[in-house]
Structure formats: C-alpha cells, structure tokens
Amino acid sequence: MTSLEEHKNSIHQFLEDINEKIRAGQLVERQKIVGFTASEAATNLLEYFLHKKERIPSGFRVNHNYFASEKRAERYFDFDFEQKKELINLLVKQEEFRELLCYGKEKKAEKVEEAVHNLTKIKEIISEQLGENI
C-alpha cells in the first residue's frame, strides 16, 4: 500500500524528470520516456487526489490502462468526485499521448509538448481541488 507521501514523492520525481528533459531541450529525443513518465505522473496524481479525498480505499491502485477509453474509465470510477468528467477526459487523452509517443515513429515536438501541457492541466485541477501545490 502506497502512502500519500510516497505518492507525492513519486509525482515529484516524474515531474522533475520531465522538467529535466525540457531544460535540456530533449523533449523530442526522449519522447518515449516523456510519454511514459507523463502517463505515470497523471495516474499518480489522480490516485493521490482520490485517496486524499477518501473516494477510494487505501489499497486501490490507479492503472494507466483504465484510461484506454472514457467508457472503460467510467467502469473503474463509477463514483462521483470533483471535476470527474474533465479529469477523466484529460487522463484518456494522456493515455493516447502515451501510446502515440511510446510506440512507433518519432513524433514532432508539438505532440510531446501537448502531452506535457495535458499533464500540467491535470496537475493544476488536482492542486486547485486539494488546495495545495503538488
């Protein structure tokens, strides 16, 4: 079972890894890593949020595969929480970015930047809902 602090630590590591790629100008060269890391950061953010809001039990783990589609996500998250529809849509989009960036040919910088921007939106919504800067 992952504690809230462990989730927060993981989130910070994922975000710092992405920021390192940005600072080094390596978003395109490391897009597979960015795609994976952004997806993992997004699912950890949601899990942290739902645990903190006591919407899921302590043993519940959020998996990136839950966001293969909106319909699938709704099956796993059949309960209400703040900005649910928007967060689910953003997480489904993040999973699409993961697939796009991690597999196949190299994508242009704009796609990698979109993935990072999408993650930033997820982080901002969750930070605002929790009243803390994650």
C-alpha atoms as a PDB file:
ATOM      1  CA  MET A   1       0.000   0.000   0.000  1.00  0.00           C
ATOM      2  CA  THR A   2       1.390   3.346  -1.068  1.00  0.00           C
ATOM      3  CA  SER A   3       1.141   6.204   1.420  1.00  0.00           C
ATOM      4  CA  LEU A   4       0.133   9.723   0.442  1.00  0.00           C
ATOM      5  CA  GLU A   5       3.715  10.874   0.970  1.00  0.00           C
ATOM      6  CA  GLU A   6       5.028   8.109  -1.282  1.00  0.00           C
ATOM      7  CA  HIS A   7       2.554   9.174  -3.973  1.00  0.00           C
ATOM      8  CA  LYS A   8       3.630  12.768  -3.618  1.00  0.00           C
ATOM      9  CA  ASN A   9       7.290  11.762  -3.837  1.00  0.00           C
ATOM     10  CA  SER A  10       6.637   9.722  -6.995  1.00  0.00           C
ATOM     11  CA  ILE A  11       4.728  12.606  -8.563  1.00  0.00           C
ATOM     12  CA  HIS A  12       7.604  14.994  -7.817  1.00  0.00           C
ATOM     13  CA  GLN A  13      10.125  12.569  -9.329  1.00  0.00           C
ATOM     14  CA  PHE A  14       8.060  12.151 -12.503  1.00  0.00           C
ATOM     15  CA  LEU A  15       7.532  15.897 -12.874  1.00  0.00           C
ATOM     16  CA  GLU A  16      11.201  16.654 -12.219  1.00  0.00           C
ATOM     17  CA  ASP A  17      12.222  14.082 -14.835  1.00  0.00           C
ATOM     18  CA  ILE A  18      10.028  15.818 -17.426  1.00  0.00           C
ATOM     19  CA  ASN A  19      11.340  19.244 -16.384  1.00  0.00           C
ATOM     20  CA  GLU A  20      14.919  17.992 -16.805  1.00  0.00           C
ATOM     21  CA  LYS A  21      14.104  16.973 -20.388  1.00  0.00           C
ATOM     22  CA  ILE A  22      12.578  20.397 -21.027  1.00  0.00           C
ATOM     23  CA  ARG A  23      15.583  22.261 -19.592  1.00  0.00           C
ATOM     24  CA  ALA A  24      17.975  20.110 -21.620  1.00  0.00           C
ATOM     25  CA  GLY A  25      15.950  20.628 -24.796  1.00  0.00           C
ATOM     26  CA  GLN A  26      15.443  16.872 -25.121  1.00  0.00           C
ATOM     27  CA  LEU A  27      11.671  16.531 -25.376  1.00  0.00           C
ATOM     28  CA  VAL A  28      11.819  15.094 -28.888  1.00  0.00           C
ATOM     29  CA  GLU A  29      14.883  12.915 -28.314  1.00  0.00           C
ATOM     30  CA  ARG A  30      13.400  11.468 -25.117  1.00  0.00           C
ATOM     31  CA  GLN A  31       9.736  11.454 -26.134  1.00  0.00           C
ATOM     32  CA  LYS A  32       9.213   7.779 -25.264  1.00  0.00           C
ATOM     33  CA  ILE A  33      10.402   8.464 -21.721  1.00  0.00           C
ATOM     34  CA  VAL A  34       8.316  11.652 -21.556  1.00  0.00           C
ATOM     35  CA  GLY A  35       5.207   9.775 -22.789  1.00  0.00           C
ATOM     36  CA  PHE A  36       5.650   7.071 -20.177  1.00  0.00           C
ATOM     37  CA  THR A  37       6.555   9.468 -17.374  1.00  0.00           C
ATOM     38  CA  ALA A  38       3.677  11.876 -18.094  1.00  0.00           C
ATOM     39  CA  SER A  39       1.210   8.989 -18.056  1.00  0.00           C
ATOM     40  CA  GLU A  40       2.557   7.649 -14.770  1.00  0.00           C
ATOM     41  CA  ALA A  41       2.537  11.129 -13.244  1.00  0.00           C
ATOM     42  CA  ALA A  42      -1.093  11.612 -14.319  1.00  0.00           C
ATOM     43  CA  THR A  43      -2.290   8.331 -12.797  1.00  0.00           C
ATOM     44  CA  ASN A  44      -0.344   9.012  -9.595  1.00  0.00           C
ATOM     45  CA  LEU A  45      -1.890  12.482  -9.396  1.00  0.00           C
ATOM     46  CA  LEU A  46      -5.386  11.039  -9.708  1.00  0.00           C
ATOM     47  CA  GLU A  47      -4.681   8.295  -7.186  1.00  0.00           C
ATOM     48  CA  TYR A  48      -3.240  10.820  -4.733  1.00  0.00           C
ATOM     49  CA  PHE A  49      -6.274  13.065  -5.219  1.00  0.00           C
ATOM     50  CA  LEU A  50      -8.816  10.263  -4.745  1.00  0.00           C
ATOM     51  CA  HIS A  51      -7.013   8.884  -1.680  1.00  0.00           C
ATOM     52  CA  LYS A  52      -6.744  12.354  -0.168  1.00  0.00           C
ATOM     53  CA  LYS A  53     -10.470  12.960  -0.784  1.00  0.00           C
ATOM     54  CA  GLU A  54     -11.201   9.488   0.650  1.00  0.00           C
ATOM     55  CA  ARG A  55     -13.041   8.434  -2.524  1.00  0.00           C
ATOM     56  CA  ILE A  56     -11.079   5.183  -2.904  1.00  0.00           C
ATOM     57  CA  PRO A  57      -9.906   2.665  -0.307  1.00  0.00           C
ATOM     58  CA  SER A  58      -6.248   2.637   0.703  1.00  0.00           C
ATOM     59  CA  GLY A  59      -5.457  -0.478  -1.370  1.00  0.00           C
ATOM     60  CA  PHE A  60      -6.973   0.829  -4.612  1.00  0.00           C
ATOM     61  CA  ARG A  61      -4.369   1.349  -7.351  1.00  0.00           C
ATOM     62  CA  VAL A  62      -4.987   3.513 -10.411  1.00  0.00           C
ATOM     63  CA  ASN A  63      -3.562   1.972 -13.584  1.00  0.00           C
ATOM     64  CA  HIS A  64      -2.933   3.850 -16.829  1.00  0.00           C
ATOM     65  CA  ASN A  65      -4.818   1.102 -18.712  1.00  0.00           C
ATOM     66  CA  TYR A  66      -8.040   2.235 -17.009  1.00  0.00           C
ATOM     67  CA  PHE A  67      -7.950   5.230 -19.377  1.00  0.00           C
ATOM     68  CA  ALA A  68      -7.834   3.331 -22.666  1.00  0.00           C
ATOM     69  CA  SER A  69     -11.268   4.860 -23.261  1.00  0.00           C
ATOM     70  CA  GLU A  70     -13.759   7.059 -21.462  1.00  0.00           C
ATOM     71  CA  LYS A  71     -16.161   4.118 -21.201  1.00  0.00           C
ATOM     72  CA  ARG A  72     -13.523   1.940 -19.563  1.00  0.00           C
ATOM     73  CA  ALA A  73     -12.556   4.695 -17.127  1.00  0.00           C
ATOM     74  CA  GLU A  74     -16.209   5.116 -16.139  1.00  0.00           C
ATOM     75  CA  ARG A  75     -16.334   1.414 -15.204  1.00  0.00           C
ATOM     76  CA  TYR A  76     -13.422   1.817 -12.805  1.00  0.00           C
ATOM     77  CA  PHE A  77     -14.542   5.183 -11.467  1.00  0.00           C
ATOM     78  CA  ASP A  78     -18.288   4.712 -11.123  1.00  0.00           C
ATOM     79  CA  PHE A  79     -18.475   7.208  -8.262  1.00  0.00           C
ATOM     80  CA  ASP A  80     -18.534  10.984  -8.149  1.00  0.00           C
ATOM     81  CA  PHE A  81     -15.621  13.290  -7.468  1.00  0.00           C
ATOM     82  CA  GLU A  82     -14.773  16.897  -8.198  1.00  0.00           C
ATOM     83  CA  GLN A  83     -14.345  17.696 -11.904  1.00  0.00           C
ATOM     84  CA  LYS A  84     -14.660  13.997 -12.708  1.00  0.00           C
ATOM     85  CA  LYS A  85     -15.654  14.399 -16.358  1.00  0.00           C
ATOM     86  CA  GLU A  86     -12.843  16.832 -17.113  1.00  0.00           C
ATOM     87  CA  LEU A  87     -10.227  14.754 -15.280  1.00  0.00           C
ATOM     88  CA  ILE A  88     -11.334  11.514 -16.966  1.00  0.00           C
ATOM     89  CA  ASN A  89     -11.179  13.201 -20.381  1.00  0.00           C
ATOM     90  CA  LEU A  90      -7.692  14.541 -19.658  1.00  0.00           C
ATOM     91  CA  LEU A  91      -6.472  11.162 -18.419  1.00  0.00           C
ATOM     92  CA  VAL A  92      -7.875   9.408 -21.504  1.00  0.00           C
ATOM     93  CA  LYS A  93      -6.043  11.995 -23.597  1.00  0.00           C
ATOM     94  CA  GLN A  94      -2.861  11.358 -21.581  1.00  0.00           C
ATOM     95  CA  GLU A  95      -3.148   7.633 -22.319  1.00  0.00           C
ATOM     96  CA  GLU A  96      -3.491   8.481 -26.024  1.00  0.00           C
ATOM     97  CA  PHE A  97      -0.291  10.534 -25.779  1.00  0.00           C
ATOM     98  CA  ARG A  98       1.434   7.600 -24.074  1.00  0.00           C
ATOM     99  CA  GLU A  99       0.512   5.284 -26.946  1.00  0.00           C
ATOM    100  CA  LEU A 100       1.461   7.868 -29.557  1.00  0.00           C
ATOM    101  CA  LEU A 101       4.826   8.808 -28.049  1.00  0.00           C
ATOM    102  CA  CYS A 102       5.975   5.453 -26.709  1.00  0.00           C
ATOM    103  CA  TYR A 103       5.290   3.366 -29.815  1.00  0.00           C
ATOM    104  CA  GLY A 104       6.010   3.853 -33.479  1.00  0.00           C
ATOM    105  CA  LYS A 105       7.904   6.582 -35.262  1.00  0.00           C
ATOM    106  CA  GLU A 106       9.268   9.690 -33.602  1.00  0.00           C
ATOM    107  CA  LYS A 107       6.704  12.491 -33.353  1.00  0.00           C
ATOM    108  CA  LYS A 108       7.197  16.214 -33.764  1.00  0.00           C
ATOM    109  CA  ALA A 109       7.948  18.453 -30.780  1.00  0.00           C
ATOM    110  CA  GLU A 110       4.382  19.818 -30.771  1.00  0.00           C
ATOM    111  CA  LYS A 111       2.946  16.391 -29.836  1.00  0.00           C
ATOM    112  CA  VAL A 112       5.368  15.965 -26.951  1.00  0.00           C
ATOM    113  CA  GLU A 113       4.604  19.494 -25.767  1.00  0.00           C
ATOM    114  CA  GLU A 114       0.863  18.745 -25.952  1.00  0.00           C
ATOM    115  CA  ALA A 115       1.403  15.718 -23.711  1.00  0.00           C
ATOM    116  CA  VAL A 116       3.257  17.858 -21.165  1.00  0.00           C
ATOM    117  CA  HIS A 117       0.598  20.577 -21.366  1.00  0.00           C
ATOM    118  CA  ASN A 118      -2.159  17.991 -20.812  1.00  0.00           C
ATOM    119  CA  LEU A 119      -0.337  16.703 -17.721  1.00  0.00           C
ATOM    120  CA  THR A 120       0.025  20.277 -16.479  1.00  0.00           C
ATOM    121  CA  LYS A 121      -3.757  20.750 -16.745  1.00  0.00           C
ATOM    122  CA  ILE A 122      -4.357  17.584 -14.709  1.00  0.00           C
ATOM    123  CA  LYS A 123      -1.895  18.778 -12.059  1.00  0.00           C
ATOM    124  CA  GLU A 124      -3.474  22.257 -11.914  1.00  0.00           C
ATOM    125  CA  ILE A 125      -7.013  20.899 -11.470  1.00  0.00           C
ATOM    126  CA  ILE A 126      -5.967  18.483  -8.738  1.00  0.00           C
ATOM    127  CA  SER A 127      -3.820  21.086  -6.979  1.00  0.00           C
ATOM    128  CA  GLU A 128      -6.729  23.526  -7.035  1.00  0.00           C
ATOM    129  CA  GLN A 129      -9.202  20.938  -5.752  1.00  0.00           C
ATOM    130  CA  LEU A 130      -6.895  19.933  -2.911  1.00  0.00           C
ATOM    131  CA  GLY A 131      -5.808  23.482  -2.129  1.00  0.00           C
ATOM    132  CA  GLU A 132      -2.144  22.515  -2.286  1.00  0.00           C
ATOM    133  CA  ASN A 133       0.662  22.847  -4.772  1.00  0.00           C
ATOM    134  CA  ILE A 134       1.659  19.368  -5.777  1.00  0.00           C
END
